[in-house]
Amino acid sequence: MRWRGEVPLDRLFWCDMLLVGTILSIASSAAALILLGLKLPLWLVLAVHFLPVPYNIFLTIVVWRAAEKSGGLKAQLMMLGSALWLIATVVA
């Protein structure tokens, strides 16, 4: 449904990406910090930390696809915002 562009752009951007995607990224980072505190192997800590990255890439792509369909300044700003959000979630 999201991949085919059947979900409205506002919902994809605000709800799916910024709300759900950010919560998942924060949760995985917190879990990774806990695992690091427990002195578990670094590969496991990094795997947990980067676990949501494929989903975040998917969200960014579907936002871009929906924005291209709708067009306009708002859509362009959401494309820019989604790219910046993806960078922030991968780096942080």
Protein backbone atom coordinates (compact mmCIF):
# COMPACT_ATOMS: atom_id res chain seq x y z
CA MET A 1 0.00 0.00 0.00
CA ARG A 2 2.71 2.51 0.95
CA TRP A 3 4.99 1.38 -1.87
CA ARG A 4 2.24 1.85 -4.44
CA GLY A 5 1.63 5.41 -3.26
CA GLU A 6 -1.85 4.77 -1.88
CA VAL A 7 -1.13 6.44 1.47
CA PRO A 8 -1.42 10.25 1.66
CA LEU A 9 1.87 12.15 1.79
CA ASP A 10 1.02 13.95 5.04
CA ARG A 11 0.39 10.64 6.82
CA LEU A 12 3.61 9.10 5.44
CA PHE A 13 5.70 12.07 6.47
CA TRP A 14 4.26 13.07 9.84
CA CYS A 15 2.90 9.81 11.25
CA ASP A 16 4.86 6.97 9.65
CA MET A 17 8.25 8.62 9.25
CA LEU A 18 8.60 11.31 11.90
CA LEU A 19 6.56 9.65 14.64
CA VAL A 20 6.88 5.88 14.20
CA GLY A 21 10.30 5.90 12.51
CA THR A 22 11.79 8.21 15.10
CA ILE A 23 10.37 6.19 18.00
CA LEU A 24 11.84 2.99 16.52
CA SER A 25 15.23 4.64 16.02
CA ILE A 26 15.29 5.99 19.57
CA ALA A 27 14.23 2.62 20.98
CA SER A 28 16.95 0.76 19.09
CA SER A 29 19.58 3.30 20.18
CA ALA A 30 18.47 2.96 23.80
CA ALA A 31 18.59 -0.83 23.54
CA ALA A 32 22.06 -0.63 22.02
CA LEU A 33 23.25 1.57 24.89
CA ILE A 34 21.87 -0.94 27.39
CA LEU A 35 23.65 -3.77 25.61
CA LEU A 36 26.86 -1.73 25.57
CA GLY A 37 26.48 -1.14 29.30
CA LEU A 38 26.11 -4.88 29.79
CA LYS A 39 29.44 -5.28 27.95
CA LEU A 40 27.99 -7.46 25.22
CA PRO A 41 29.93 -7.86 21.96
CA LEU A 42 30.27 -4.72 19.87
CA TRP A 43 28.89 -6.41 16.76
CA LEU A 44 25.64 -7.10 18.63
CA VAL A 45 25.43 -3.53 19.92
CA LEU A 46 25.95 -2.14 16.42
CA ALA A 47 23.47 -4.59 14.90
CA VAL A 48 20.77 -3.49 17.34
CA HIS A 49 21.60 0.18 16.82
CA PHE A 50 21.39 -0.05 13.02
CA LEU A 51 18.43 -2.46 12.95
CA PRO A 52 15.85 0.18 11.90
CA VAL A 53 17.98 1.60 9.05
CA PRO A 54 16.40 -0.53 6.27
CA TYR A 55 12.93 0.50 7.46
CA ASN A 56 14.01 4.14 7.63
CA ILE A 57 15.32 3.92 4.06
CA PHE A 58 12.00 2.40 2.99
CA LEU A 59 10.09 5.25 4.67
CA THR A 60 12.25 7.85 2.96
CA ILE A 61 11.71 6.24 -0.43
CA VAL A 62 7.92 6.05 -0.04
CA VAL A 63 7.79 9.69 1.09
CA TRP A 64 9.78 10.67 -2.01
CA ARG A 65 7.52 8.60 -4.28
CA ALA A 66 4.37 10.13 -2.80
CA ALA A 67 5.87 13.62 -2.96
CA GLU A 68 6.73 13.19 -6.64
CA LYS A 69 3.12 12.21 -7.33
CA SER A 70 1.62 15.19 -5.49
CA GLY A 71 4.15 17.86 -6.49
CA GLY A 72 4.38 21.40 -5.17
CA LEU A 73 6.51 23.26 -2.65
CA LYS A 74 5.14 21.34 0.33
CA ALA A 75 6.09 18.05 -1.32
CA GLN A 76 9.60 19.34 -2.07
CA LEU A 77 10.03 20.42 1.56
CA MET A 78 8.89 16.99 2.73
CA MET A 79 11.42 15.37 0.39
CA LEU A 80 14.17 17.53 1.88
CA GLY A 81 12.92 16.86 5.41
CA SER A 82 12.85 13.12 4.83
CA ALA A 83 16.42 13.12 3.49
CA LEU A 84 17.64 15.12 6.50
CA TRP A 85 15.68 12.86 8.83
CA LEU A 86 17.27 9.76 7.30
CA ILE A 87 20.76 11.21 7.75
CA ALA A 88 19.94 12.12 11.37
CA THR A 89 18.61 8.66 12.20
CA VAL A 90 21.60 6.88 10.70
CA VAL A 91 24.21 9.15 12.32
CA ALA A 92 22.59 9.47 15.75
